[in-house]
Amino acid sequence: GGVGLAQRGFDIILELLGQSLDLIKGCPCEQGCPSCIYSPRCGSGNKPLDKKGAIMVLEALTGSISLAEISPIEAEPEPLTCQVDSEIASKGNEKRILYFDLETRKSASEVGGWQNIHLMMVSVAVVFDSLEDRFHIFAEDEIDRLLEYFARADLVIGFNLKRFDYTVLEAYTCKDLHEIPTFDILENIYNRLGFRLSLDHLVKETLSKGKSADGLQALEWFKAGEIEKLTEYCKQDVLLTRDLFLHGLEKGYLVYRNKKENERVRLLVEWDLGEIIEELRN
């Protein structure tokens, strides 16, 4: 029973402390998060959280440093980098996964507010097909072909796809777009956190990448007839969406910055492609 487990714990205490040290050091958060120094169930309200202190204590307990070396002076944090492994771009290739984004002809102010998203009209739509490993570009007069393409997909992935992109597309069809097997990254994040984060914020903190422009610049390109620049911008957003999803799929987490404390925190996502597709089918 418990006595036996306790005895075994003392026998392997250095191994357990070493594993704990490796886990905490390997976590990319700055101050501590549910992945390393506290449990989201019983410790999320505990303050202060001190990741550096936890590492220092474990190093002292394992003999890596002497007790005399323990000092209140904080060491410089190690740089954190999160990159998508080159191998994970092939994940899901046995399925047709479509990463999707579109740009509009009009802004919210031009159509009377965000309640009129359906009036914004499509300027360009871009799909990256995981099976074919290439982009497909659709103009406004090709929306029917785009929707036919969606029908061939095992999964369509986007960012704010259901609330924005599909609402724009609803002006062009009588089909119920919510019947398309869809994974909306922003919706999933909102359900976990209770608040929204931008694509630009997430790719900066998770992938150390950034968007090349924004939606207002995209509108200016359309009005100036610079369709090539507009399309390239949309393609880049699709790639960022793909890379963000693949990072979460492979690593099991994304990274965001907590505004209140201005610290980087892991968001555990535990995405499984097969489970996502199967759940949407049912």
Foldseek 3Di string as FASTA:
>chain_A
DVVVVVVVCVVCVLVVLVVLLVQLLPDQWDQDACRHDDPPVPPPPDPDGHSVVSNVVSCCVNVVDDPVPDDPDDDDDDDDAAAQDPVLLLPPLVFWEKQKDFAFQDDQVVQVHLVVLLPRATAKMWIQTSNVRDIDIDGRVCLVVVVVVLVRGLEYEYECCPSHVVSNSVNPDPDDPVLRLYDHPQVLVCVQPVDGDDLQQQCCFNHVDGQPDDNVVLNVCVVVVVVVVNVVSRVVNSVSRSRSVSSCQVVQWTWGADPVVRIIYTDGRPDDVVVSSVVSVD
